[in-house]
């Protein structure tokens, strides 16, 4: 059974991370920002899995489970914040949060 080369796995993880970073920096919708963060977390998890497969250790898989746990907590808190933001401002645009009211 042939395996994927380590370089290809790291290249894919790097491209996914950059895609998430671009989405994080350019989007103004909170939902898309959270999706970009999820892409970045999954890219780092993929890098851990590829490294663990290369060196034959299980620590990469354990780190991936920790990343999945962190992502689940981030989604739960993020969705709660989005619901509260939409109830208060009737929008999910990040720029609305930065406006001060006096």
PDB file of N, CA and C in Angstrom:
ATOM      1  N   UNK A   1       0.830  -1.171   0.000  1.00  0.00           N
ATOM      2  CA  UNK A   1       0.000   0.000   0.000  1.00  0.00           C
ATOM      3  C   UNK A   1       0.880   1.242   0.000  1.00  0.00           C
ATOM      4  N   UNK A   2       0.643   2.109  -0.955  1.00  0.00           N
ATOM      5  CA  UNK A   2       1.457   3.320  -1.048  1.00  0.00           C
ATOM      6  C   UNK A   2       0.887   4.411  -0.161  1.00  0.00           C
ATOM      7  N   UNK A   3       1.783   5.224   0.372  1.00  0.00           N
ATOM      8  CA  UNK A   3       1.359   6.326   1.228  1.00  0.00           C
ATOM      9  C   UNK A   3       1.607   7.658   0.516  1.00  0.00           C
ATOM     10  N   UNK A   4       0.958   8.656   1.005  1.00  0.00           N
ATOM     11  CA  UNK A   4       1.142  10.002   0.470  1.00  0.00           C
ATOM     12  C   UNK A   4       2.471  10.536   0.988  1.00  0.00           C
ATOM     13  N   UNK A   5       3.269  11.150   0.137  1.00  0.00           N
ATOM     14  CA  UNK A   5       4.545  11.720   0.622  1.00  0.00           C
ATOM     15  C   UNK A   5       4.314  12.802   1.671  1.00  0.00           C
ATOM     16  N   UNK A   6       5.235  12.899   2.602  1.00  0.00           N
ATOM     17  CA  UNK A   6       5.129  13.855   3.695  1.00  0.00           C
ATOM     18  C   UNK A   6       5.069  15.285   3.164  1.00  0.00           C
ATOM     19  N   UNK A   7       5.828  15.551   2.112  1.00  0.00           N
ATOM     20  CA  UNK A   7       5.858  16.901   1.553  1.00  0.00           C
ATOM     21  C   UNK A   7       4.480  17.318   1.038  1.00  0.00           C
ATOM     22  N   UNK A   8       3.769  16.381   0.434  1.00  0.00           N
ATOM     23  CA  UNK A   8       2.438  16.695  -0.080  1.00  0.00           C
ATOM     24  C   UNK A   8       1.457  16.977   1.061  1.00  0.00           C
ATOM     25  N   UNK A   9       1.567  16.216   2.123  1.00  0.00           N
ATOM     26  CA  UNK A   9       0.706  16.442   3.286  1.00  0.00           C
ATOM     27  C   UNK A   9       0.961  17.802   3.914  1.00  0.00           C
ATOM     28  N   UNK A  10       2.239  18.160   4.079  1.00  0.00           N
ATOM     29  CA  UNK A  10       2.564  19.465   4.646  1.00  0.00           C
ATOM     30  C   UNK A  10       2.191  20.598   3.695  1.00  0.00           C
ATOM     31  N   UNK A  11       2.328  20.370   2.402  1.00  0.00           N
ATOM     32  CA  UNK A  11       1.936  21.378   1.421  1.00  0.00           C
ATOM     33  C   UNK A  11       0.425  21.623   1.489  1.00  0.00           C
ATOM     34  N   UNK A  12      -0.359  20.558   1.579  1.00  0.00           N
ATOM     35  CA  UNK A  12      -1.804  20.707   1.703  1.00  0.00           C
ATOM     36  C   UNK A  12      -2.173  21.421   2.997  1.00  0.00           C
ATOM     37  N   UNK A  13      -1.514  21.059   4.092  1.00  0.00           N
ATOM     38  CA  UNK A  13      -1.792  21.721   5.370  1.00  0.00           C
ATOM     39  C   UNK A  13      -1.429  23.208   5.293  1.00  0.00           C
ATOM     40  N   UNK A  14      -0.329  23.533   4.666  1.00  0.00           N
ATOM     41  CA  UNK A  14       0.068  24.934   4.517  1.00  0.00           C
ATOM     42  C   UNK A  14      -0.904  25.719   3.649  1.00  0.00           C
ATOM     43  N   UNK A  15      -1.365  25.110   2.562  1.00  0.00           N
ATOM     44  CA  UNK A  15      -2.322  25.791   1.694  1.00  0.00           C
ATOM     45  C   UNK A  15      -3.650  26.009   2.415  1.00  0.00           C
ATOM     46  N   UNK A  16      -4.115  25.011   3.165  1.00  0.00           N
ATOM     47  CA  UNK A  16      -5.350  25.172   3.919  1.00  0.00           C
ATOM     48  C   UNK A  16      -5.215  26.250   4.988  1.00  0.00           C
ATOM     49  N   UNK A  17      -4.064  26.294   5.647  1.00  0.00           N
ATOM     50  CA  UNK A  17      -3.843  27.310   6.666  1.00  0.00           C
ATOM     51  C   UNK A  17      -3.842  28.705   6.054  1.00  0.00           C
ATOM     52  N   UNK A  18      -3.177  28.857   4.914  1.00  0.00           N
ATOM     53  CA  UNK A  18      -3.159  30.159   4.229  1.00  0.00           C
ATOM     54  C   UNK A  18      -4.552  30.552   3.746  1.00  0.00           C
ATOM     55  N   UNK A  19      -5.320  29.589   3.264  1.00  0.00           N
ATOM     56  CA  UNK A  19      -6.688  29.864   2.841  1.00  0.00           C
ATOM     57  C   UNK A  19      -7.525  30.347   4.025  1.00  0.00           C
ATOM     58  N   UNK A  20      -7.382  29.710   5.169  1.00  0.00           N
ATOM     59  CA  UNK A  20      -8.097  30.147   6.364  1.00  0.00           C
ATOM     60  C   UNK A  20      -7.650  31.515   6.835  1.00  0.00           C
ATOM     61  N   UNK A  21      -6.353  31.797   6.734  1.00  0.00           N
ATOM     62  CA  UNK A  21      -5.829  33.098   7.145  1.00  0.00           C
ATOM     63  C   UNK A  21      -6.357  34.209   6.253  1.00  0.00           C
ATOM     64  N   UNK A  22      -6.394  33.962   4.948  1.00  0.00           N
ATOM     65  CA  UNK A  22      -6.950  34.960   4.021  1.00  0.00           C
ATOM     66  C   UNK A  22      -8.426  35.190   4.318  1.00  0.00           C
ATOM     67  N   UNK A  23      -9.173  34.134   4.567  1.00  0.00           N
ATOM     68  CA  UNK A  23     -10.578  34.286   4.916  1.00  0.00           C
ATOM     69  C   UNK A  23     -10.769  35.032   6.222  1.00  0.00           C
ATOM     70  N   UNK A  24      -9.884  34.809   7.175  1.00  0.00           N
ATOM     71  CA  UNK A  24      -9.959  35.491   8.462  1.00  0.00           C
ATOM     72  C   UNK A  24      -9.694  36.988   8.314  1.00  0.00           C
ATOM     73  N   UNK A  25      -8.744  37.339   7.452  1.00  0.00           N
ATOM     74  CA  UNK A  25      -8.364  38.739   7.312  1.00  0.00           C
ATOM     75  C   UNK A  25      -9.286  39.530   6.391  1.00  0.00           C
ATOM     76  N   UNK A  26      -9.966  38.867   5.468  1.00  0.00           N
ATOM     77  CA  UNK A  26     -10.752  39.603   4.479  1.00  0.00           C
ATOM     78  C   UNK A  26     -12.244  39.621   4.753  1.00  0.00           C
ATOM     79  N   UNK A  27     -12.785  38.662   5.458  1.00  0.00           N
ATOM     80  CA  UNK A  27     -14.228  38.581   5.663  1.00  0.00           C
ATOM     81  C   UNK A  27     -14.663  39.462   6.820  1.00  0.00           C
ATOM     82  N   UNK A  28     -15.877  39.986   6.744  1.00  0.00           N
ATOM     83  CA  UNK A  28     -16.447  40.802   7.802  1.00  0.00           C
ATOM     84  C   UNK A  28     -17.643  40.127   8.463  1.00  0.00           C
ATOM     85  N   UNK A  29     -18.041  38.983   7.969  1.00  0.00           N
ATOM     86  CA  UNK A  29     -19.151  38.243   8.539  1.00  0.00           C
ATOM     87  C   UNK A  29     -18.605  37.299   9.609  1.00  0.00           C
ATOM     88  N   UNK A  30     -19.196  37.301  10.783  1.00  0.00           N
ATOM     89  CA  UNK A  30     -18.684  36.510  11.900  1.00  0.00           C
ATOM     90  C   UNK A  30     -18.730  35.017  11.585  1.00  0.00           C
ATOM     91  N   UNK A  31     -19.752  34.584  10.868  1.00  0.00           N
ATOM     92  CA  UNK A  31     -19.862  33.161  10.528  1.00  0.00           C
ATOM     93  C   UNK A  31     -18.691  32.739   9.651  1.00  0.00           C
ATOM     94  N   UNK A  32     -18.339  33.551   8.665  1.00  0.00           N
ATOM     95  CA  UNK A  32     -17.214  33.219   7.793  1.00  0.00           C
ATOM     96  C   UNK A  32     -15.881  33.295   8.535  1.00  0.00           C
ATOM     97  N   UNK A  33     -15.780  34.204   9.487  1.00  0.00           N
ATOM     98  CA  UNK A  33     -14.556  34.281  10.295  1.00  0.00           C
ATOM     99  C   UNK A  33     -14.383  33.003  11.111  1.00  0.00           C
ATOM    100  N   UNK A  34     -15.472  32.525  11.714  1.00  0.00           N
ATOM    101  CA  UNK A  34     -15.388  31.275  12.483  1.00  0.00           C
ATOM    102  C   UNK A  34     -15.082  30.078  11.582  1.00  0.00           C
ATOM    103  N   UNK A  35     -15.640  30.083  10.363  1.00  0.00           N
ATOM    104  CA  UNK A  35     -15.323  28.997   9.424  1.00  0.00           C
ATOM    105  C   UNK A  35     -13.847  29.039   9.026  1.00  0.00           C
ATOM    106  N   UNK A  36     -13.299  30.238   8.864  1.00  0.00           N
ATOM    107  CA  UNK A  36     -11.877  30.367   8.542  1.00  0.00           C
ATOM    108  C   UNK A  36     -11.007  29.866   9.687  1.00  0.00           C
ATOM    109  N   UNK A  37     -11.421  30.155  10.915  1.00  0.00           N
ATOM    110  CA  UNK A  37     -10.688  29.626  12.066  1.00  0.00           C
ATOM    111  C   UNK A  37     -10.730  28.106  12.107  1.00  0.00           C
ATOM    112  N   UNK A  38     -11.876  27.535  11.760  1.00  0.00           N
ATOM    113  CA  UNK A  38     -11.993  26.077  11.712  1.00  0.00           C
ATOM    114  C   UNK A  38     -11.059  25.485  10.651  1.00  0.00           C
ATOM    115  N   UNK A  39     -10.971  26.134   9.506  1.00  0.00           N
ATOM    116  CA  UNK A  39     -10.066  25.651   8.452  1.00  0.00           C
ATOM    117  C   UNK A  39      -8.625  25.695   8.948  1.00  0.00           C
ATOM    118  N   UNK A  40      -8.259  26.764   9.656  1.00  0.00           N
ATOM    119  CA  UNK A  40      -6.901  26.874  10.175  1.00  0.00           C
ATOM    120  C   UNK A  40      -6.619  25.801  11.227  1.00  0.00           C
ATOM    121  N   UNK A  41      -7.592  25.536  12.105  1.00  0.00           N
ATOM    122  CA  UNK A  41      -7.403  24.484  13.105  1.00  0.00           C
ATOM    123  C   UNK A  41      -7.272  23.106  12.448  1.00  0.00           C
ATOM    124  N   UNK A  42      -8.074  22.841  11.433  1.00  0.00           N
ATOM    125  CA  UNK A  42      -7.978  21.556  10.743  1.00  0.00           C
ATOM    126  C   UNK A  42      -6.666  21.420   9.980  1.00  0.00           C
ATOM    127  N   UNK A  43      -6.151  22.519   9.453  1.00  0.00           N
ATOM    128  CA  UNK A  43      -4.859  22.469   8.773  1.00  0.00           C
ATOM    129  C   UNK A  43      -3.735  22.132   9.750  1.00  0.00           C
ATOM    130  N   UNK A  44      -3.792  22.725  10.937  1.00  0.00           N
ATOM    131  CA  UNK A  44      -2.759  22.385  11.927  1.00  0.00           C
ATOM    132  C   UNK A  44      -2.910  20.940  12.391  1.00  0.00           C
ATOM    133  N   UNK A  45      -4.139  20.465  12.508  1.00  0.00           N
ATOM    134  CA  UNK A  45      -4.356  19.057  12.859  1.00  0.00           C
ATOM    135  C   UNK A  45      -3.836  18.117  11.793  1.00  0.00           C
ATOM    136  N   UNK A  46      -4.034  18.491  10.528  1.00  0.00           N
ATOM    137  CA  UNK A  46      -3.499  17.681   9.429  1.00  0.00           C
ATOM    138  C   UNK A  46      -1.977  17.625   9.481  1.00  0.00           C
ATOM    139  N   UNK A  47      -1.350  18.745   9.816  1.00  0.00           N
ATOM    140  CA  UNK A  47       0.111  18.752   9.931  1.00  0.00           C
ATOM    141  C   UNK A  47       0.577  17.829  11.056  1.00  0.00           C
ATOM    142  N   UNK A  48      -0.137  17.812  12.161  1.00  0.00           N
ATOM    143  CA  UNK A  48       0.213  16.895  13.257  1.00  0.00           C
ATOM    144  C   UNK A  48       0.058  15.440  12.826  1.00  0.00           C
ATOM    145  N   UNK A  49      -1.005  15.133  12.108  1.00  0.00           N
ATOM    146  CA  UNK A  49      -1.233  13.758  11.653  1.00  0.00           C
ATOM    147  C   UNK A  49      -0.156  13.316  10.671  1.00  0.00           C
ATOM    148  N   UNK A  50       0.198  14.198   9.742  1.00  0.00           N
ATOM    149  CA  UNK A  50       1.237  13.856   8.758  1.00  0.00           C
ATOM    150  C   UNK A  50       2.577  13.628   9.450  1.00  0.00           C
ATOM    151  N   UNK A  51       2.907  14.497  10.412  1.00  0.00           N
ATOM    152  CA  UNK A  51       4.171  14.340  11.128  1.00  0.00           C
ATOM    153  C   UNK A  51       4.176  13.059  11.957  1.00  0.00           C
ATOM    154  N   UNK A  52       3.055  12.750  12.582  1.00  0.00           N
ATOM    155  CA  UNK A  52       2.979  11.528  13.384  1.00  0.00           C
ATOM    156  C   UNK A  52       3.094  10.291  12.505  1.00  0.00           C
ATOM    157  N   UNK A  53       2.500  10.332  11.328  1.00  0.00           N
ATOM    158  CA  UNK A  53       2.600   9.189  10.419  1.00  0.00           C
ATOM    159  C   UNK A  53       4.035   9.032   9.912  1.00  0.00           C
ATOM    160  N   UNK A  54       4.723  10.120   9.718  1.00  0.00           N
ATOM    161  CA  UNK A  54       6.097  10.076   9.212  1.00  0.00           C
ATOM    162  C   UNK A  54       7.036   9.440  10.230  1.00  0.00           C
ATOM    163  N   UNK A  55       6.884   9.836  11.507  1.00  0.00           N
ATOM    164  CA  UNK A  55       7.795   9.342  12.529  1.00  0.00           C
ATOM    165  C   UNK A  55       7.247   8.156  13.297  1.00  0.00           C
ATOM    166  N   UNK A  56       6.044   7.734  13.009  1.00  0.00           N
ATOM    167  CA  UNK A  56       5.491   6.541  13.623  1.00  0.00           C
ATOM    168  C   UNK A  56       5.109   6.685  15.078  1.00  0.00           C
ATOM    169  N   UNK A  57       4.736   7.888  15.495  1.00  0.00           N
ATOM    170  CA  UNK A  57       4.329   8.124  16.877  1.00  0.00           C
ATOM    171  C   UNK A  57       2.836   8.434  16.934  1.00  0.00           C
ATOM    172  N   UNK A  58       2.263   8.214  18.084  1.00  0.00           N
ATOM    173  CA  UNK A  58       0.826   8.467  18.260  1.00  0.00           C
ATOM    174  C   UNK A  58       0.539   9.863  18.820  1.00  0.00           C
ATOM    175  N   UNK A  59       1.580  10.628  19.140  1.00  0.00           N
ATOM    176  CA  UNK A  59       1.357  11.945  19.731  1.00  0.00           C
ATOM    177  C   UNK A  59       0.631  12.886  18.781  1.00  0.00           C
ATOM    178  N   UNK A  60       0.841  12.741  17.493  1.00  0.00           N
ATOM    179  CA  UNK A  60       0.158  13.586  16.521  1.00  0.00           C
ATOM    180  C   UNK A  60      -1.339  13.348  16.517  1.00  0.00           C
ATOM    181  N   UNK A  61      -1.724  12.086  16.691  1.00  0.00           N
ATOM    182  CA  UNK A  61      -3.151  11.779  16.741  1.00  0.00           C
ATOM    183  C   UNK A  61      -3.778  12.293  18.035  1.00  0.00           C
ATOM    184  N   UNK A  62      -3.037  12.243  19.115  1.00  0.00           N
ATOM    185  CA  UNK A  62      -3.529  12.784  20.378  1.00  0.00           C
ATOM    186  C   UNK A  62      -3.696  14.300  20.267  1.00  0.00           C
ATOM    187  N   UNK A  63      -2.735  14.959  19.641  1.00  0.00           N
ATOM    188  CA  UNK A  63      -2.845  16.410  19.447  1.00  0.00           C
ATOM    189  C   UNK A  63      -4.025  16.745  18.546  1.00  0.00           C
ATOM    190  N   UNK A  64      -4.289  15.913  17.543  1.00  0.00           N
ATOM    191  CA  UNK A  64      -5.430  16.152  16.671  1.00  0.00           C
ATOM    192  C   UNK A  64      -6.737  16.040  17.449  1.00  0.00           C
ATOM    193  N   UNK A  65      -6.830  15.088  18.370  1.00  0.00           N
ATOM    194  CA  UNK A  65      -8.021  14.986  19.212  1.00  0.00           C
ATOM    195  C   UNK A  65      -8.171  16.216  20.104  1.00  0.00           C
ATOM    196  N   UNK A  66      -7.054  16.749  20.596  1.00  0.00           N
ATOM    197  CA  UNK A  66      -7.114  17.977  21.387  1.00  0.00           C
ATOM    198  C   UNK A  66      -7.579  19.144  20.526  1.00  0.00           C
ATOM    199  N   UNK A  67      -7.114  19.201  19.280  1.00  0.00           N
ATOM    200  CA  UNK A  67      -7.528  20.264  18.365  1.00  0.00           C
ATOM    201  C   UNK A  67      -9.010  20.148  18.058  1.00  0.00           C
ATOM    202  N   UNK A  68      -9.513  18.929  17.857  1.00  0.00           N
ATOM    203  CA  UNK A  68     -10.943  18.744  17.615  1.00  0.00           C
ATOM    204  C   UNK A  68     -11.763  19.182  18.822  1.00  0.00           C
ATOM    205  N   UNK A  69     -11.288  18.915  20.025  1.00  0.00           N
ATOM    206  CA  UNK A  69     -11.982  19.343  21.232  1.00  0.00           C
ATOM    207  C   UNK A  69     -12.013  20.860  21.323  1.00  0.00           C
ATOM    208  N   UNK A  70     -10.890  21.493  21.022  1.00  0.00           N
ATOM    209  CA  UNK A  70     -10.818  22.950  21.023  1.00  0.00           C
ATOM    210  C   UNK A  70     -11.750  23.534  19.968  1.00  0.00           C
ATOM    211  N   UNK A  71     -11.812  22.920  18.802  1.00  0.00           N
ATOM    212  CA  UNK A  71     -12.690  23.404  17.738  1.00  0.00           C
ATOM    213  C   UNK A  71     -14.158  23.287  18.131  1.00  0.00           C
ATOM    214  N   UNK A  72     -14.520  22.209  18.807  1.00  0.00           N
ATOM    215  CA  UNK A  72     -15.906  22.047  19.247  1.00  0.00           C
ATOM    216  C   UNK A  72     -16.272  23.109  20.285  1.00  0.00           C
ATOM    217  N   UNK A  73     -15.365  23.394  21.190  1.00  0.00           N
ATOM    218  CA  UNK A  73     -15.624  24.439  22.186  1.00  0.00           C
ATOM    219  C   UNK A  73     -15.717  25.803  21.521  1.00  0.00           C
ATOM    220  N   UNK A  74     -14.879  26.040  20.528  1.00  0.00           N
ATOM    221  CA  UNK A  74     -14.901  27.317  19.815  1.00  0.00           C
ATOM    222  C   UNK A  74     -16.208  27.499  19.065  1.00  0.00           C
ATOM    223  N   UNK A  75     -16.722  26.444  18.473  1.00  0.00           N
ATOM    224  CA  UNK A  75     -18.001  26.519  17.759  1.00  0.00           C
ATOM    225  C   UNK A  75     -19.133  26.816  18.730  1.00  0.00           C
ATOM    226  N   UNK A  76     -19.146  26.155  19.876  1.00  0.00           N
ATOM    227  CA  UNK A  76     -20.215  26.369  20.849  1.00  0.00           C
ATOM    228  C   UNK A  76     -20.226  27.811  21.349  1.00  0.00           C
ATOM    229  N   UNK A  77     -19.075  28.326  21.729  1.00  0.00           N
ATOM    230  CA  UNK A  77     -18.994  29.699  22.209  1.00  0.00           C
ATOM    231  C   UNK A  77     -19.269  30.682  21.075  1.00  0.00           C
ATOM    232  N   UNK A  78     -18.719  30.411  19.903  1.00  0.00           N
ATOM    233  CA  UNK A  78     -18.909  31.305  18.758  1.00  0.00           C
ATOM    234  C   UNK A  78     -20.355  31.417  18.331  1.00  0.00           C
ATOM    235  N   UNK A  79     -21.061  30.306  18.295  1.00  0.00           N
ATOM    236  CA  UNK A  79     -22.469  30.354  17.915  1.00  0.00           C
ATOM    237  C   UNK A  79     -23.298  31.100  18.956  1.00  0.00           C
ATOM    238  N   UNK A  80     -22.969  30.948  20.211  1.00  0.00           N
ATOM    239  CA  UNK A  80     -23.649  31.723  21.249  1.00  0.00           C
ATOM    240  C   UNK A  80     -23.422  33.218  21.077  1.00  0.00           C
ATOM    241  N   UNK A  81     -22.191  33.598  20.763  1.00  0.00           N
ATOM    242  CA  UNK A  81     -21.890  35.014  20.530  1.00  0.00           C
ATOM    243  C   UNK A  81     -22.596  35.542  19.287  1.00  0.00           C
ATOM    244  N   UNK A  82     -22.672  34.722  18.244  1.00  0.00           N
ATOM    245  CA  UNK A  82     -23.354  35.145  17.018  1.00  0.00           C
ATOM    246  C   UNK A  82     -24.842  35.369  17.282  1.00  0.00           C
ATOM    247  N   UNK A  83     -25.468  34.477  18.031  1.00  0.00           N
ATOM    248  CA  UNK A  83     -26.889  34.628  18.335  1.00  0.00           C
ATOM    249  C   UNK A  83     -27.123  35.897  19.156  1.00  0.00           C
ATOM    250  N   UNK A  84     -26.279  36.134  20.146  1.00  0.00           N
ATOM    251  CA  UNK A  84     -26.428  37.338  20.968  1.00  0.00           C
ATOM    252  C   UNK A  84     -26.187  38.594  20.139  1.00  0.00           C
ATOM    253  N   UNK A  85     -25.209  38.565  19.253  1.00  0.00           N
ATOM    254  CA  UNK A  85     -24.917  39.717  18.400  1.00  0.00           C
ATOM    255  C   UNK A  85     -26.076  39.993  17.450  1.00  0.00           C
ATOM    256  N   UNK A  86     -26.651  38.949  16.887  1.00  0.00           N
ATOM    257  CA  UNK A  86     -27.757  39.145  15.961  1.00  0.00           C
ATOM    258  C   UNK A  86     -28.995  39.671  16.684  1.00  0.00           C
ATOM    259  N   UNK A  87     -29.230  39.210  17.896  1.00  0.00           N
ATOM    260  CA  UNK A  87     -30.379  39.710  18.657  1.00  0.00           C
ATOM    261  C   UNK A  87     -30.231  41.194  18.983  1.00  0.00           C
ATOM    262  N   UNK A  88     -29.019  41.612  19.290  1.00  0.00           N
ATOM    263  CA  UNK A  88     -28.810  42.992  19.702  1.00  0.00           C
ATOM    264  C   UNK A  88     -28.712  43.957  18.519  1.00  0.00           C
ATOM    265  N   UNK A  89     -27.956  43.574  17.465  1.00  0.00           N
ATOM    266  CA  UNK A  89     -27.675  44.505  16.367  1.00  0.00           C
ATOM    267  C   UNK A  89     -28.400  44.167  15.065  1.00  0.00           C
ATOM    268  N   UNK A  90     -29.066  43.033  14.983  1.00  0.00           N
ATOM    269  CA  UNK A  90     -29.774  42.582  13.780  1.00  0.00           C
ATOM    270  C   UNK A  90     -28.838  42.379  12.577  1.00  0.00           C
ATOM    271  N   UNK A  91     -27.582  42.118  12.827  1.00  0.00           N
ATOM    272  CA  UNK A  91     -26.608  41.824  11.780  1.00  0.00           C
ATOM    273  C   UNK A  91     -25.480  40.986  12.375  1.00  0.00           C
ATOM    274  N   UNK A  92     -24.707  40.343  11.513  1.00  0.00           N
ATOM    275  CA  UNK A  92     -23.541  39.583  11.963  1.00  0.00           C
ATOM    276  C   UNK A  92     -22.255  40.169  11.379  1.00  0.00           C
ATOM    277  N   UNK A  93     -22.268  41.460  11.082  1.00  0.00           N
ATOM    278  CA  UNK A  93     -21.110  42.161  10.535  1.00  0.00           C
ATOM    279  C   UNK A  93     -20.184  42.572  11.682  1.00  0.00           C
ATOM    280  N   UNK A  94     -18.906  42.287  11.546  1.00  0.00           N
ATOM    281  CA  UNK A  94     -17.934  42.578  12.603  1.00  0.00           C
ATOM    282  C   UNK A  94     -17.775  44.074  12.799  1.00  0.00           C
ATOM    283  N   UNK A  95     -17.895  44.869  11.740  1.00  0.00           N
ATOM    284  CA  UNK A  95     -17.691  46.314  11.854  1.00  0.00           C
ATOM    285  C   UNK A  95     -18.709  46.965  12.785  1.00  0.00           C
ATOM    286  N   UNK A  96     -19.887  46.380  12.945  1.00  0.00           N
ATOM    287  CA  UNK A  96     -20.892  46.945  13.844  1.00  0.00           C
ATOM    288  C   UNK A  96     -20.410  46.883  15.282  1.00  0.00           C
ATOM    289  N   UNK A  97     -19.665  45.854  15.624  1.00  0.00           N
ATOM    290  CA  UNK A  97     -19.181  45.705  16.999  1.00  0.00           C
ATOM    291  C   UNK A  97     -18.136  46.745  17.355  1.00  0.00           C
ATOM    292  N   UNK A  98     -17.420  47.276  16.382  1.00  0.00           N
ATOM    293  CA  UNK A  98     -16.352  48.223  16.677  1.00  0.00           C
ATOM    294  C   UNK A  98     -16.856  49.658  16.815  1.00  0.00           C
ATOM    295  N   UNK A  99     -18.101  49.921  16.487  1.00  0.00           N
ATOM    296  CA  UNK A  99     -18.646  51.271  16.625  1.00  0.00           C
ATOM    297  C   UNK A  99     -19.031  51.531  18.084  1.00  0.00           C
ATOM    298  N   UNK A 100     -18.545  52.645  18.611  1.00  0.00           N
ATOM    299  CA  UNK A 100     -18.861  52.988  19.992  1.00  0.00           C
ATOM    300  C   UNK A 100     -20.103  53.869  20.007  1.00  0.00           C
ATOM    301  N   UNK A 101     -20.923  53.649  20.981  1.00  0.00           N
ATOM    302  CA  UNK A 101     -22.131  54.455  21.128  1.00  0.00           C
ATOM    303  C   UNK A 101     -21.945  55.358  22.350  1.00  0.00           C
ATOM    304  N   UNK A 102     -22.361  56.622  22.216  1.00  0.00           N
ATOM    305  CA  UNK A 102     -22.167  57.530  23.339  1.00  0.00           C
ATOM    306  C   UNK A 102     -23.366  58.344  23.652  1.00  0.00           C
TER     307      UNK A 102
END
